[in-house]
Amino acid sequence: MRLRMGLAASAVALLAFLVGGGCARGTSVSGGPSADESAPAVSESASVTPTATLPPSALAAPTVSATVPASPPSVEPSSGMPGEPSTYLATGSAGGSAPFGGLVEVSSTTGQVLRQLVPGAPGGGSGWPTLPADHSVIYVQEGAGTCGAVIQEISPTGSVIRSEVGAAVLPNPNDEQVDGLPTVSRDGRFLAFHRRICDIGGSPGLIVNELVILSTATGRDLGTLSGQNEPASPQAWSPDGRSLLTYDYEGPQGTGKLHILAVDTDGRITGDRALSPPGGCAFQRGALFDPATSRIDAVQTCGATSSIVVVDPATGATTGTTLTVAAQVIQLQAIDASGRYLIYGVPASGGMAWFVLSGGRSKPLPADPLVETPSAWLG
């Protein structure tokens, strides 16, 4: 992987947004990763910090009891936790039928779909919505069928502001471009995303990968991180916008390494520092900066056990564990502005079971059956 700063001047690309992905005819862009693992059982956490532990029944039925060691079980009703955001953004079901296709707003207390912001699209779909701190705009990945996708900028009401953020850089007519996995800084100035270009007509396959940082005001590329193999996936911006958390796929089950890119006030990448997990463990995709404390919430896999852990961004050390399950996948999706409410998912029969984790307590996140992937807090 090589570091290149300044305006992007070459054809750029990304091998896959998710583990096992590729560039092929008929490939559509989904709103989030899938999981085909069997429903996990429960394991005990060895952390000295309070740990929420899910019972086996919680992963097979829409109930959950999260406990803190040496304390009685603490159960929160599905109607909501005190202070929990009232709504969240989610991707709708495949097929795109209103009101469930595309991008939807959902009540976090009832699971009811309140409105559809982006209609579903045949052969593609909406995914990875991201918002600045003031929620003034929403950036969302829109699939365009085959091996193509764009990033759209929409208003909070769903009206399209820009149908395509960033310019196409296709080197020849046989290529197809995917811009996706957008992550906007909290002040709204910078948008980090993946760009991949596939040679469809000539020699099908990947050309180049790049992670791009773009100015939301001008639409210009400010900095890029290039590589021919699995690319760095943008995860989250630090609260001050000076660090970008990224992820490199390196092992099975989507495991890999977290990196912190140093970014200057002009959006240029000035450094790259890897965060290494403890021996025998690996990080998964889906890490978040806590907006209130600047700590990192990440998913760490050690053998057949996965945990949501707290990582010190200055040292890279794991300083605590907040949830442990006996599974190789935990899908960490969103954190609210207070840093108190995490949305996460674990494999369950037929898909994913979604939960809200806060202060050692966990509860099911209500969702209509046609809502597929909770992606960001909104209300």
Protein backbone atom coordinates (compact mmCIF):
# COMPACT_ATOMS: atom_id res chain seq x y z
CA MET A 1 0.00 0.00 0.00
CA ARG A 2 1.44 3.43 -0.83
CA LEU A 3 0.51 6.85 0.46
CA ARG A 4 -0.20 9.63 -2.05
CA MET A 5 -1.31 13.16 -1.18
CA GLY A 6 -2.88 15.89 -3.26
CA LEU A 7 -5.54 15.72 -5.95
CA ALA A 8 -6.39 12.27 -7.30
CA ALA A 9 -5.02 12.08 -10.81
CA SER A 10 -5.28 8.43 -11.71
CA ALA A 11 -7.90 5.75 -12.18
CA VAL A 12 -8.74 4.37 -8.77
CA ALA A 13 -10.61 1.41 -7.42
CA LEU A 14 -11.52 -0.96 -4.63
CA LEU A 15 -11.61 -4.79 -4.79
CA ALA A 16 -14.68 -5.30 -2.66
CA PHE A 17 -16.71 -3.44 -0.08
CA LEU A 18 -17.14 -6.60 1.91
CA VAL A 19 -15.14 -9.78 2.38
CA GLY A 20 -15.42 -12.05 -0.62
CA GLY A 21 -16.81 -9.34 -2.88
CA GLY A 22 -15.67 -8.75 -6.43
CA CYS A 23 -16.41 -7.12 -9.73
CA ALA A 24 -18.70 -9.16 -11.90
CA ARG A 25 -21.76 -8.70 -14.02
CA GLY A 26 -24.91 -8.83 -11.94
CA THR A 27 -23.20 -7.69 -8.74
CA SER A 28 -25.40 -5.32 -6.76
CA VAL A 29 -24.46 -3.10 -3.86
CA SER A 30 -26.21 -3.91 -0.61
CA GLY A 31 -26.76 -1.78 2.44
CA GLY A 32 -24.49 -3.71 4.75
CA PRO A 33 -22.50 -6.89 5.28
CA SER A 34 -24.20 -10.24 5.44
CA ALA A 35 -23.62 -13.05 7.88
CA ASP A 36 -24.16 -16.72 7.27
CA GLU A 37 -22.74 -17.97 10.51
CA SER A 38 -24.95 -19.97 12.83
CA ALA A 39 -26.52 -18.27 15.83
CA PRO A 40 -23.85 -17.80 18.50
CA ALA A 41 -23.94 -19.08 22.03
CA VAL A 42 -22.81 -17.07 25.01
CA SER A 43 -19.34 -16.91 26.51
CA GLU A 44 -18.05 -15.18 29.61
CA SER A 45 -15.84 -12.12 29.26
CA ALA A 46 -12.48 -12.07 30.97
CA SER A 47 -12.31 -8.30 31.08
CA VAL A 48 -11.97 -6.52 34.40
CA THR A 49 -14.35 -3.83 33.17
CA PRO A 50 -18.15 -4.27 33.22
CA THR A 51 -19.21 -6.64 30.47
CA ALA A 52 -22.65 -7.16 28.99
CA THR A 53 -23.33 -10.82 28.24
CA LEU A 54 -26.13 -12.07 26.00
CA PRO A 55 -27.94 -15.31 26.85
CA PRO A 56 -28.45 -17.87 24.05
CA SER A 57 -32.19 -17.18 23.92
CA ALA A 58 -31.56 -13.55 23.01
CA LEU A 59 -30.00 -14.56 19.72
CA ALA A 60 -32.87 -16.77 18.65
CA ALA A 61 -35.83 -14.75 19.89
CA PRO A 62 -36.61 -11.02 20.11
CA THR A 63 -35.69 -10.75 23.78
CA VAL A 64 -32.39 -10.04 25.49
CA SER A 65 -31.06 -9.92 29.04
CA ALA A 66 -27.73 -8.16 29.40
CA THR A 67 -25.91 -8.54 32.70
CA VAL A 68 -23.00 -6.92 34.45
CA PRO A 69 -20.72 -9.32 36.40
CA ALA A 70 -21.46 -9.55 40.14
CA SER A 71 -24.76 -7.73 39.62
CA PRO A 72 -28.35 -8.90 39.16
CA PRO A 73 -29.55 -9.12 35.55
CA SER A 74 -30.36 -5.71 34.11
CA VAL A 75 -33.15 -5.83 31.57
CA GLU A 76 -34.31 -2.92 29.47
CA PRO A 77 -37.68 -2.98 27.71
CA SER A 78 -37.83 -2.77 23.94
CA SER A 79 -39.71 0.52 24.27
CA GLY A 80 -36.40 2.35 24.68
CA MET A 81 -33.72 3.44 27.11
CA PRO A 82 -33.73 6.87 28.78
CA GLY A 83 -32.08 9.37 26.44
CA GLU A 84 -31.91 6.95 23.52
CA PRO A 85 -32.29 8.63 20.09
CA SER A 86 -35.86 8.30 18.86
CA THR A 87 -35.18 7.23 15.26
CA TYR A 88 -32.52 5.58 13.13
CA LEU A 89 -31.74 5.22 9.43
CA ALA A 90 -31.83 1.78 7.88
CA THR A 91 -31.75 0.07 4.53
CA GLY A 92 -35.03 -1.43 3.40
CA SER A 93 -35.74 -4.85 2.02
CA ALA A 94 -34.56 -6.01 -1.37
CA GLY A 95 -37.00 -5.31 -4.16
CA GLY A 96 -37.42 -1.64 -3.44
CA SER A 97 -41.16 -1.56 -2.75
CA ALA A 98 -42.34 1.46 -0.77
CA PRO A 99 -42.13 2.18 2.06
CA PHE A 100 -39.47 -0.41 2.77
CA GLY A 101 -37.07 -0.19 -0.19
CA GLY A 102 -34.08 2.11 -0.34
CA LEU A 103 -33.30 4.22 2.73
CA VAL A 104 -35.89 4.53 5.49
CA GLU A 105 -36.32 6.24 8.87
CA VAL A 106 -37.42 3.89 11.66
CA SER A 107 -38.72 4.49 15.18
CA SER A 108 -36.27 3.08 17.73
CA THR A 109 -39.09 2.42 20.21
CA THR A 110 -41.69 0.75 17.97
CA GLY A 111 -39.71 -0.38 14.92
CA GLN A 112 -42.26 1.29 12.66
CA VAL A 113 -41.04 2.64 9.32
CA LEU A 114 -41.86 6.36 9.51
CA ARG A 115 -40.87 7.43 6.01
CA GLN A 116 -38.85 6.52 2.96
CA LEU A 117 -36.04 8.95 2.17
CA VAL A 118 -34.59 7.20 -0.90
CA PRO A 119 -36.60 4.83 -3.11
CA GLY A 120 -35.30 1.37 -3.78
CA ALA A 121 -33.62 0.74 -7.12
CA PRO A 122 -33.81 -2.51 -9.14
CA GLY A 123 -30.39 -4.16 -9.36
CA GLY A 124 -28.97 -2.03 -6.56
CA GLY A 125 -29.94 -0.32 -3.36
CA SER A 126 -29.11 2.25 -0.73
CA GLY A 127 -26.47 1.71 1.91
CA TRP A 128 -24.03 3.19 4.41
CA PRO A 129 -25.78 6.49 5.17
CA THR A 130 -23.54 8.99 6.97
CA LEU A 131 -24.35 12.37 8.50
CA PRO A 132 -22.38 15.32 9.92
CA ALA A 133 -23.01 16.35 13.52
CA ASP A 134 -25.72 18.86 12.59
CA HIS A 135 -27.62 16.32 10.44
CA SER A 136 -27.93 18.96 7.72
CA VAL A 137 -27.32 16.48 4.90
CA ILE A 138 -27.10 12.73 4.37
CA TYR A 139 -24.57 11.00 2.13
CA VAL A 140 -25.64 7.57 0.94
CA GLN A 141 -24.30 4.95 -1.41
CA GLU A 142 -26.64 4.19 -4.29
CA GLY A 143 -26.17 0.99 -6.28
CA ALA A 144 -26.42 1.19 -10.06
CA GLY A 145 -26.37 -2.48 -10.96
CA THR A 146 -23.52 -4.61 -12.35
CA CYS A 147 -20.32 -3.24 -10.84
CA GLY A 148 -21.32 0.40 -10.43
CA ALA A 149 -22.43 2.68 -7.62
CA VAL A 150 -22.37 6.37 -6.75
CA ILE A 151 -22.58 8.48 -3.60
CA GLN A 152 -25.54 10.82 -3.41
CA GLU A 153 -26.02 13.86 -1.20
CA ILE A 154 -29.59 14.25 0.02
CA SER A 155 -31.42 16.58 2.39
CA PRO A 156 -32.98 15.35 5.66
CA THR A 157 -36.32 15.26 3.81
CA GLY A 158 -34.93 12.97 1.11
CA SER A 159 -34.64 15.45 -1.76
CA VAL A 160 -31.53 14.99 -3.89
CA ILE A 161 -28.94 17.77 -3.55
CA ARG A 162 -26.24 16.10 -5.66
CA SER A 163 -26.97 12.92 -7.57
CA GLU A 164 -23.27 12.05 -7.72
CA VAL A 165 -20.62 13.28 -5.31
CA GLY A 166 -17.18 13.20 -6.92
CA ALA A 167 -16.23 12.97 -10.57
CA ALA A 168 -16.01 9.82 -12.67
CA VAL A 169 -12.43 8.86 -13.54
CA LEU A 170 -12.98 5.90 -15.88
CA PRO A 171 -9.90 5.30 -18.04
CA ASN A 172 -11.85 3.67 -20.88
CA PRO A 173 -15.49 2.93 -21.88
CA ASN A 174 -15.25 -0.72 -20.82
CA ASP A 175 -14.63 0.17 -17.18
CA GLU A 176 -17.20 0.55 -14.45
CA GLN A 177 -16.74 2.63 -11.31
CA VAL A 178 -17.97 2.13 -7.78
CA ASP A 179 -17.83 4.94 -5.23
CA GLY A 180 -19.12 3.78 -1.87
CA LEU A 181 -18.73 3.27 1.88
CA PRO A 182 -18.99 7.03 2.54
CA THR A 183 -17.96 8.46 5.93
CA VAL A 184 -18.38 12.21 6.52
CA SER A 185 -16.47 14.22 9.12
CA ARG A 186 -18.52 15.64 11.99
CA ASP A 187 -18.06 19.21 10.74
CA GLY A 188 -19.22 18.12 7.27
CA ARG A 189 -16.09 19.37 5.46
CA PHE A 190 -14.59 16.05 4.35
CA LEU A 191 -16.05 12.87 2.90
CA ALA A 192 -13.96 9.70 2.92
CA PHE A 193 -15.01 6.81 0.68
CA HIS A 194 -13.86 3.87 -1.42
CA ARG A 195 -13.47 4.05 -5.14
CA ARG A 196 -12.92 1.00 -7.29
CA ILE A 197 -12.80 0.56 -11.06
CA CYS A 198 -13.44 -2.77 -12.75
CA ASP A 199 -12.37 -3.64 -16.28
CA ILE A 200 -15.57 -5.29 -17.45
CA GLY A 201 -15.17 -5.41 -21.22
CA GLY A 202 -11.49 -6.27 -21.57
CA SER A 203 -9.96 -8.43 -18.86
CA PRO A 204 -12.61 -8.56 -16.15
CA GLY A 205 -11.20 -7.79 -12.77
CA LEU A 206 -9.81 -5.11 -10.53
CA ILE A 207 -7.68 -2.27 -11.86
CA VAL A 208 -6.72 -0.12 -8.83
CA ASN A 209 -7.98 0.50 -5.28
CA GLU A 210 -8.08 3.85 -3.57
CA LEU A 211 -9.46 5.37 -0.44
CA VAL A 212 -10.38 8.97 -1.28
CA ILE A 213 -10.86 12.06 0.89
CA LEU A 214 -13.01 14.62 -0.88
CA SER A 215 -13.96 18.22 -0.12
CA THR A 216 -17.73 18.37 0.26
CA ALA A 217 -17.67 22.06 -0.70
CA THR A 218 -15.78 21.73 -4.00
CA GLY A 219 -16.13 18.04 -4.85
CA ARG A 220 -12.36 17.81 -5.36
CA ASP A 221 -10.22 14.88 -4.24
CA LEU A 222 -7.85 16.05 -1.50
CA GLY A 223 -5.96 12.92 -0.52
CA THR A 224 -5.81 9.27 -1.47
CA LEU A 225 -4.46 5.99 -0.16
CA SER A 226 -3.71 3.54 -2.98
CA GLY A 227 -3.18 -0.18 -3.23
CA GLN A 228 -3.64 -3.13 -5.55
CA ASN A 229 -4.91 -5.57 -2.93
CA GLU A 230 -7.74 -5.34 -0.45
CA PRO A 231 -8.12 -1.61 0.24
CA ALA A 232 -8.31 0.38 3.41
CA SER A 233 -11.98 0.80 4.30
CA PRO A 234 -13.01 4.14 5.86
CA GLN A 235 -14.68 3.61 9.23
CA ALA A 236 -15.07 6.87 11.16
CA TRP A 237 -13.69 10.36 11.68
CA SER A 238 -12.39 11.54 15.02
CA PRO A 239 -14.49 14.30 16.62
CA ASP A 240 -11.95 16.97 15.60
CA GLY A 241 -11.67 15.74 12.01
CA ARG A 242 -7.89 15.27 12.25
CA SER A 243 -7.89 11.46 12.26
CA LEU A 244 -9.63 8.93 10.01
CA LEU A 245 -10.10 5.39 11.26
CA THR A 246 -9.66 2.83 8.47
CA TYR A 247 -9.65 -0.94 8.20
CA ASP A 248 -7.56 -3.41 6.16
CA TYR A 249 -8.90 -6.89 5.40
CA GLU A 250 -6.16 -9.40 6.02
CA GLY A 251 -7.62 -12.65 7.33
CA PRO A 252 -10.66 -14.94 7.39
CA GLN A 253 -14.11 -13.85 8.56
CA GLY A 254 -13.32 -10.26 7.57
CA THR A 255 -10.62 -9.90 10.21
CA GLY A 256 -7.74 -7.48 9.74
CA LYS A 257 -6.05 -4.37 11.11
CA LEU A 258 -7.26 -0.96 12.12
CA HIS A 259 -5.32 2.10 11.02
CA ILE A 260 -5.47 5.74 12.06
CA LEU A 261 -4.71 8.14 9.22
CA ALA A 262 -3.52 11.59 10.26
CA VAL A 263 -5.32 14.27 8.22
CA ASP A 264 -4.38 17.95 8.13
CA THR A 265 -6.81 20.87 8.13
CA ASP A 266 -6.89 20.82 4.32
CA GLY A 267 -7.94 17.17 4.15
CA ARG A 268 -4.54 15.82 3.08
CA ILE A 269 -3.30 12.52 4.52
CA THR A 270 -0.07 13.07 6.47
CA GLY A 271 0.44 9.79 8.29
CA ASP A 272 -0.67 6.18 8.72
CA ARG A 273 -0.45 4.26 12.01
CA ALA A 274 -1.59 0.66 12.46
CA LEU A 275 -3.36 -0.52 15.63
CA SER A 276 -2.48 -4.11 16.48
CA PRO A 277 -4.77 -6.29 18.61
CA PRO A 278 -3.43 -8.67 21.28
CA GLY A 279 -1.69 -11.82 20.10
CA GLY A 280 -4.05 -14.42 18.64
CA CYS A 281 -6.75 -11.81 18.00
CA ALA A 282 -7.78 -9.69 15.03
CA PHE A 283 -10.01 -6.69 14.42
CA GLN A 284 -13.18 -6.81 12.34
CA ARG A 285 -14.63 -4.16 10.09
CA GLY A 286 -16.99 -1.81 11.94
CA ALA A 287 -15.02 0.45 14.29
CA LEU A 288 -16.29 3.82 15.55
CA PHE A 289 -14.90 6.93 17.20
CA ASP A 290 -16.85 7.94 20.29
CA PRO A 291 -17.95 11.55 19.57
CA ALA A 292 -17.86 12.46 23.26
CA THR A 293 -14.55 10.92 24.39
CA SER A 294 -12.59 10.24 21.14
CA ARG A 295 -12.04 6.65 22.26
CA ILE A 296 -12.49 3.88 19.68
CA ASP A 297 -15.15 1.19 19.92
CA ALA A 298 -14.02 -1.80 17.87
CA VAL A 299 -14.82 -5.47 17.34
CA GLN A 300 -12.06 -7.87 18.27
CA THR A 301 -12.11 -11.59 17.42
CA CYS A 302 -10.06 -14.11 19.36
CA GLY A 303 -10.64 -17.60 17.99
CA ALA A 304 -14.36 -18.35 18.11
CA THR A 305 -15.14 -15.44 20.44
CA SER A 306 -15.79 -11.81 19.50
CA SER A 307 -16.04 -8.75 21.70
CA ILE A 308 -16.81 -5.07 21.44
CA VAL A 309 -13.73 -3.48 22.99
CA VAL A 310 -12.53 0.00 23.87
CA VAL A 311 -9.26 1.06 22.22
CA ASP A 312 -7.10 4.02 23.23
CA PRO A 313 -6.37 5.86 19.95
CA ALA A 314 -3.12 7.30 21.36
CA THR A 315 -1.54 3.98 22.33
CA GLY A 316 -3.60 1.44 20.39
CA ALA A 317 -4.10 -0.54 23.59
CA THR A 318 -7.35 -2.32 24.36
CA THR A 319 -8.51 -0.80 27.62
CA GLY A 320 -11.84 -2.51 28.25
CA THR A 321 -14.53 -4.88 27.00
CA THR A 322 -18.23 -4.01 26.82
CA LEU A 323 -19.75 -7.09 25.16
CA THR A 324 -18.62 -10.66 24.43
CA VAL A 325 -20.36 -13.39 22.43
CA ALA A 326 -19.25 -16.81 21.26
CA ALA A 327 -19.33 -15.94 17.58
CA GLN A 328 -16.89 -14.84 14.91
CA VAL A 329 -18.99 -11.85 13.91
CA ILE A 330 -20.32 -8.78 15.70
CA GLN A 331 -21.54 -6.08 13.36
CA LEU A 332 -20.93 -2.67 14.95
CA GLN A 333 -23.10 -0.13 13.13
CA ALA A 334 -23.63 3.23 14.84
CA ILE A 335 -22.97 5.38 17.89
CA ASP A 336 -24.99 8.41 18.94
CA ALA A 337 -23.64 11.93 19.58
CA SER A 338 -23.40 11.35 23.33
CA GLY A 339 -21.34 8.19 22.87
CA ARG A 340 -23.79 6.29 25.07
CA TYR A 341 -25.80 4.22 22.61
CA LEU A 342 -24.29 1.66 20.26
CA ILE A 343 -26.20 -0.26 17.60
CA TYR A 344 -24.75 -3.70 16.96
CA GLY A 345 -25.82 -6.97 15.40
CA VAL A 346 -25.02 -10.65 15.87
CA PRO A 347 -25.76 -13.60 13.57
CA ALA A 348 -29.10 -15.22 14.22
CA SER A 349 -31.29 -17.70 12.42
CA GLY A 350 -32.22 -16.20 9.07
CA GLY A 351 -29.95 -13.14 9.27
CA MET A 352 -28.89 -10.66 11.94
CA ALA A 353 -30.39 -9.78 15.32
CA TRP A 354 -30.00 -6.08 16.16
CA PHE A 355 -29.49 -4.57 19.61
CA VAL A 356 -28.78 -1.31 21.43
CA LEU A 357 -25.96 -1.40 23.99
CA SER A 358 -25.60 1.27 26.67
CA GLY A 359 -24.00 1.30 30.10
CA GLY A 360 -23.74 -2.47 30.39
CA ARG A 361 -27.35 -2.96 29.29
CA SER A 362 -28.52 -4.40 26.01
CA LYS A 363 -31.98 -4.48 24.46
CA PRO A 364 -33.40 -5.55 21.12
CA LEU A 365 -33.62 -2.77 18.56
CA PRO A 366 -37.20 -2.83 17.27
CA ALA A 367 -37.44 -3.14 13.48
CA ASP A 368 -40.07 -4.08 10.97
CA PRO A 369 -39.21 -7.49 9.41
CA LEU A 370 -38.71 -5.74 6.04
CA VAL A 371 -36.03 -3.45 7.47
CA GLU A 372 -32.67 -5.05 6.79
CA THR A 373 -29.76 -3.08 8.27
CA PRO A 374 -29.82 -0.27 10.86
CA SER A 375 -27.04 2.10 9.82
CA ALA A 376 -27.09 5.45 11.68
CA TRP A 377 -28.86 7.26 14.49
CA LEU A 378 -31.05 10.10 13.28
CA GLY A 379 -33.52 11.41 15.88
